[in-house]
Amino acid sequence: MTFISEHFFTMVARLLLILLLSGLIGFERELKNHSAGFRTHILVGIGSCLMMLLSLYGFKDFLDFDYVRYDPARIPSYVVSGVGFLGAGTIMVYGGTIRGLTTAASIWAVAGLGLVVGAGMYDIAVITTIIILLSLVFLNNLEKLFVRSISVHVLEIIVTNDFKADEFVRLMRKQEIDIQNIEFAKSDTELRRIFVKIKPSDRDSLTMFMNDASQLLGVENITRRV
C-alpha cells in the first residue's frame, strides 16, 4: 500500500482548478455582499470535486472482483441532489420579495463544476465558469435596469390596532399609486407589519405618499425596501 497513488498529481491539479473556478464565482457573490460568498462556493466546489474523484479513483482496488459492479455516476448523482439544502439556506423572504435565488443557483452550478472538473472535463468547466460569471455580472445590471424601468417598490408599514385600511387605500388612489400586492404578517403584539408592493406614477408621488401615510392614525413607521 502506497501513501501517494498513481493519480495523485492528476487529482491535485483538478482540485486546484476547481479552487480557482469556484473562487471566481464566489468572489463575485462576495462583492455583492450575499450570504453565501467566497468560502462557501469554494467549499462546495472542492467538496463536489472530491466526491467525483472518489467515484472515479476510490474503488479501483475492487474492480478485480467479478461480482462488483462499478458505477462512477452514483456518487455524483447524490451530490447534485444533496447540495440543494445548502442553496435553500441562502433564500430569504422579505415581505413580498424573495432574495437569494441567484446565489442558491450559483451554489448548485458550482457543485456541477466540481463534478465536471473531477471527471477531467477541464475545457467545458472553464467555458461554463466564464458563462456563469458573465451572467452574474452583466445580466444583473440588465435586471436592475429592467426593475428600475417598471418602478416597483415594496413598502414595509408598521401599524397599531387604530390603523384604518380604507384611509390608507384612499390616500394611495389620491397619489395615483398602483397597488400590486398586499401582505399582512402575523404578530403576537399590538403592532402589525404590512408589506405593500406598489407601482407609483413617479418618484415624487412615492415620496409624497410616504410622507402623508406616516401621518395617518395608527401608522408607526413606513419604510421602502430596496
Protein backbone atom coordinates (compact mmCIF):
# COMPACT_ATOMS: atom_id res chain seq x y z
CA MET A 1 0.00 0.00 0.00
CA THR A 2 1.50 3.37 -1.07
CA PHE A 3 0.68 6.69 0.57
CA ILE A 4 0.65 8.56 -2.74
CA SER A 5 -1.39 6.95 -5.50
CA GLU A 6 -0.50 6.95 -9.18
CA HIS A 7 -3.27 9.50 -9.84
CA PHE A 8 -2.18 11.88 -7.07
CA PHE A 9 -0.96 14.75 -9.25
CA THR A 10 -3.98 14.47 -11.54
CA MET A 11 -6.33 14.76 -8.58
CA VAL A 12 -4.39 17.67 -7.06
CA ALA A 13 -4.50 19.52 -10.38
CA ARG A 14 -8.26 19.08 -10.58
CA LEU A 15 -8.75 20.28 -7.01
CA LEU A 16 -6.64 23.37 -7.67
CA LEU A 17 -8.59 24.12 -10.84
CA ILE A 18 -11.96 23.95 -9.11
CA LEU A 19 -10.50 26.08 -6.31
CA LEU A 20 -9.82 28.79 -8.89
CA LEU A 21 -13.12 28.46 -10.79
CA SER A 22 -15.40 28.27 -7.76
CA GLY A 23 -13.41 31.05 -6.09
CA LEU A 24 -14.09 33.37 -9.02
CA ILE A 25 -17.83 32.81 -8.80
CA GLY A 26 -17.83 33.07 -5.02
CA PHE A 27 -15.80 36.29 -5.18
CA GLU A 28 -18.45 37.86 -7.42
CA ARG A 29 -21.13 36.93 -4.87
CA GLU A 30 -18.91 38.25 -2.05
CA LEU A 31 -18.52 41.63 -3.76
CA LYS A 32 -22.29 41.99 -3.82
CA ASN A 33 -22.50 41.12 -0.14
CA HIS A 34 -24.58 37.95 -0.47
CA SER A 35 -24.95 35.44 2.34
CA ALA A 36 -23.05 32.68 0.51
CA GLY A 37 -19.83 34.11 -0.84
CA PHE A 38 -16.18 33.26 -1.42
CA ARG A 39 -15.62 30.48 1.12
CA THR A 40 -18.99 28.82 0.64
CA HIS A 41 -18.59 28.47 -3.11
CA ILE A 42 -15.04 27.17 -2.76
CA LEU A 43 -16.09 24.55 -0.22
CA VAL A 44 -18.99 23.40 -2.40
CA GLY A 45 -16.78 23.22 -5.48
CA ILE A 46 -13.94 21.35 -3.80
CA GLY A 47 -16.32 19.05 -1.95
CA SER A 48 -18.17 18.02 -5.09
CA CYS A 49 -14.86 17.59 -6.96
CA LEU A 50 -13.63 15.37 -4.14
CA MET A 51 -16.75 13.22 -4.39
CA MET A 52 -16.20 12.86 -8.13
CA LEU A 53 -12.57 11.86 -7.60
CA LEU A 54 -13.67 9.33 -5.04
CA SER A 55 -16.15 7.89 -7.50
CA LEU A 56 -13.52 7.66 -10.25
CA TYR A 57 -10.44 6.53 -8.35
CA GLY A 58 -11.56 5.44 -4.90
CA PHE A 59 -12.80 1.99 -5.86
CA LYS A 60 -10.10 0.89 -8.29
CA ASP A 61 -8.92 -1.86 -5.95
CA PHE A 62 -12.30 -3.58 -6.04
CA LEU A 63 -12.52 -3.85 -9.80
CA ASP A 64 -10.60 -7.13 -9.84
CA PHE A 65 -13.62 -8.94 -8.47
CA ASP A 66 -16.17 -10.14 -11.00
CA TYR A 67 -19.11 -9.71 -8.65
CA VAL A 68 -18.52 -5.98 -8.05
CA ARG A 69 -20.44 -3.61 -10.34
CA TYR A 70 -18.73 -0.26 -10.83
CA ASP A 71 -20.93 2.79 -11.39
CA PRO A 72 -18.93 6.07 -11.25
CA ALA A 73 -22.10 8.15 -11.72
CA ARG A 74 -23.78 7.01 -8.49
CA ILE A 75 -21.97 9.30 -6.03
CA PRO A 76 -22.20 12.41 -8.30
CA SER A 77 -25.95 11.94 -8.58
CA TYR A 78 -26.27 12.25 -4.81
CA VAL A 79 -24.10 15.37 -4.82
CA VAL A 80 -26.34 17.12 -7.36
CA SER A 81 -29.49 16.43 -5.35
CA GLY A 82 -27.92 16.84 -1.90
CA VAL A 83 -26.38 20.26 -2.42
CA GLY A 84 -29.87 21.73 -2.75
CA PHE A 85 -30.24 22.03 1.04
CA LEU A 86 -27.27 24.40 1.14
CA GLY A 87 -28.72 26.59 -1.59
CA ALA A 88 -32.07 26.67 0.18
CA GLY A 89 -30.38 28.23 3.18
CA THR A 90 -29.50 31.33 1.16
CA ILE A 91 -33.10 32.05 0.11
CA MET A 92 -34.79 34.68 2.27
CA VAL A 93 -38.29 36.17 2.08
CA TYR A 94 -38.74 39.85 2.90
CA GLY A 95 -42.41 40.60 2.79
CA GLY A 96 -43.44 40.11 -0.82
CA THR A 97 -39.84 39.95 -2.07
CA ILE A 98 -37.76 36.78 -2.38
CA ARG A 99 -33.99 37.15 -2.26
CA GLY A 100 -31.14 34.67 -2.64
CA LEU A 101 -32.41 32.62 -5.58
CA THR A 102 -29.45 33.59 -7.76
CA THR A 103 -26.94 32.71 -5.05
CA ALA A 104 -28.67 29.38 -4.48
CA ALA A 105 -28.48 28.67 -8.20
CA SER A 106 -24.78 29.62 -8.29
CA ILE A 107 -24.05 27.17 -5.46
CA TRP A 108 -25.82 24.42 -7.37
CA ALA A 109 -23.87 25.35 -10.52
CA VAL A 110 -20.56 25.31 -8.62
CA ALA A 111 -21.35 21.80 -7.41
CA GLY A 112 -21.78 20.81 -11.04
CA LEU A 113 -18.47 22.47 -11.89
CA GLY A 114 -16.78 20.44 -9.18
CA LEU A 115 -18.12 17.22 -10.62
CA VAL A 116 -17.08 18.21 -14.14
CA VAL A 117 -13.56 19.14 -13.08
CA GLY A 118 -13.32 15.97 -11.01
CA ALA A 119 -14.17 13.99 -14.14
CA GLY A 120 -11.38 15.74 -16.04
CA MET A 121 -13.53 17.86 -18.35
CA TYR A 122 -11.42 20.99 -17.94
CA ASP A 123 -12.42 22.77 -21.14
CA ILE A 124 -16.16 22.68 -20.51
CA ALA A 125 -15.58 23.68 -16.87
CA VAL A 126 -13.67 26.82 -17.86
CA ILE A 127 -16.23 27.79 -20.51
CA THR A 128 -19.10 27.22 -18.06
CA THR A 129 -17.38 29.37 -15.42
CA ILE A 130 -17.00 32.21 -17.92
CA ILE A 131 -20.67 31.94 -18.88
CA ILE A 132 -21.75 31.94 -15.23
CA LEU A 133 -19.62 34.99 -14.40
CA LEU A 134 -20.88 36.89 -17.44
CA SER A 135 -24.45 36.02 -16.46
CA LEU A 136 -23.99 37.15 -12.87
CA VAL A 137 -22.27 40.42 -13.78
CA PHE A 138 -23.99 41.64 -16.94
CA LEU A 139 -27.44 40.14 -16.52
CA ASN A 140 -27.58 41.52 -13.00
CA ASN A 141 -27.05 45.04 -14.40
CA LEU A 142 -29.66 44.39 -17.08
CA GLU A 143 -32.09 43.17 -14.43
CA LYS A 144 -31.55 46.33 -12.39
CA LEU A 145 -32.31 48.47 -15.44
CA PHE A 146 -35.48 46.50 -16.08
CA VAL A 147 -36.65 46.71 -12.46
CA ARG A 148 -35.91 50.42 -12.42
CA SER A 149 -37.95 50.92 -15.58
CA ILE A 150 -41.06 49.31 -14.10
CA SER A 151 -40.50 51.11 -10.76
CA VAL A 152 -41.96 48.52 -8.42
CA HIS A 153 -41.33 49.11 -4.72
CA VAL A 154 -42.08 47.22 -1.53
CA LEU A 155 -43.20 49.26 1.47
CA GLU A 156 -42.96 47.87 4.99
CA ILE A 157 -45.53 49.52 7.24
CA ILE A 158 -45.78 49.01 10.99
CA VAL A 159 -49.24 49.84 12.32
CA THR A 160 -51.26 49.64 15.54
CA ASN A 161 -54.84 48.49 16.07
CA ASP A 162 -56.01 52.05 15.35
CA PHE A 163 -54.90 51.74 11.73
CA LYS A 164 -57.70 52.19 9.19
CA ALA A 165 -57.04 50.43 5.91
CA ASP A 166 -59.68 52.40 3.98
CA GLU A 167 -57.93 55.71 4.65
CA PHE A 168 -54.65 54.16 3.57
CA VAL A 169 -56.14 52.93 0.27
CA ARG A 170 -57.86 56.27 -0.30
CA LEU A 171 -54.51 58.05 0.07
CA MET A 172 -52.95 55.66 -2.44
CA ARG A 173 -55.59 56.44 -5.02
CA LYS A 174 -55.14 60.17 -4.40
CA GLN A 175 -51.40 59.89 -5.15
CA GLU A 176 -52.11 57.61 -8.15
CA ILE A 177 -50.30 54.66 -6.56
CA ASP A 178 -50.95 51.31 -8.24
CA ILE A 179 -51.21 48.51 -5.64
CA GLN A 180 -49.59 45.31 -6.88
CA ASN A 181 -49.86 43.17 -3.74
CA ILE A 182 -50.59 43.49 0.00
CA GLU A 183 -49.35 41.02 2.61
CA PHE A 184 -50.18 41.06 6.33
CA ALA A 185 -47.62 39.49 8.65
CA LYS A 186 -48.80 37.74 11.83
CA SER A 187 -47.80 39.29 15.15
CA ASP A 188 -48.33 38.47 18.83
CA THR A 189 -48.05 42.14 19.84
CA GLU A 190 -50.26 45.15 19.26
CA LEU A 191 -48.05 46.20 16.37
CA ARG A 192 -48.70 44.64 12.97
CA ARG A 193 -46.46 44.54 9.94
CA ILE A 194 -47.85 45.11 6.44
CA PHE A 195 -45.93 44.67 3.20
CA VAL A 196 -47.32 46.54 0.18
CA LYS A 197 -45.92 46.11 -3.32
CA ILE A 198 -46.74 49.25 -5.29
CA LYS A 199 -46.05 50.93 -8.63
CA PRO A 200 -46.06 54.73 -8.26
CA SER A 201 -46.58 57.03 -11.21
CA ASP A 202 -43.26 58.77 -10.46
CA ARG A 203 -40.64 59.18 -7.70
CA ASP A 204 -42.17 62.38 -6.35
CA SER A 205 -45.56 60.73 -5.87
CA LEU A 206 -43.92 57.93 -3.86
CA THR A 207 -42.15 60.44 -1.61
CA MET A 208 -45.36 62.43 -1.07
CA PHE A 209 -47.30 59.26 -0.36
CA MET A 210 -44.82 58.01 2.25
CA ASN A 211 -44.85 61.41 3.95
CA ASP A 212 -48.65 61.59 4.02
CA ALA A 213 -49.04 57.94 5.03
CA SER A 214 -46.76 58.39 8.03
CA GLN A 215 -49.26 60.96 9.35
CA LEU A 216 -52.22 58.57 9.27
CA LEU A 217 -53.70 57.34 12.52
CA GLY A 218 -52.16 54.04 13.61
CA VAL A 219 -49.10 54.21 11.34
CA GLU A 220 -45.96 53.86 13.48
CA ASN A 221 -43.36 53.54 10.73
CA ILE A 222 -43.18 53.24 6.95
CA THR A 223 -40.05 52.11 5.09
CA ARG A 224 -39.26 51.47 1.46
CA ARG A 225 -37.29 48.27 0.96
CA VAL A 226 -34.55 48.29 -1.64
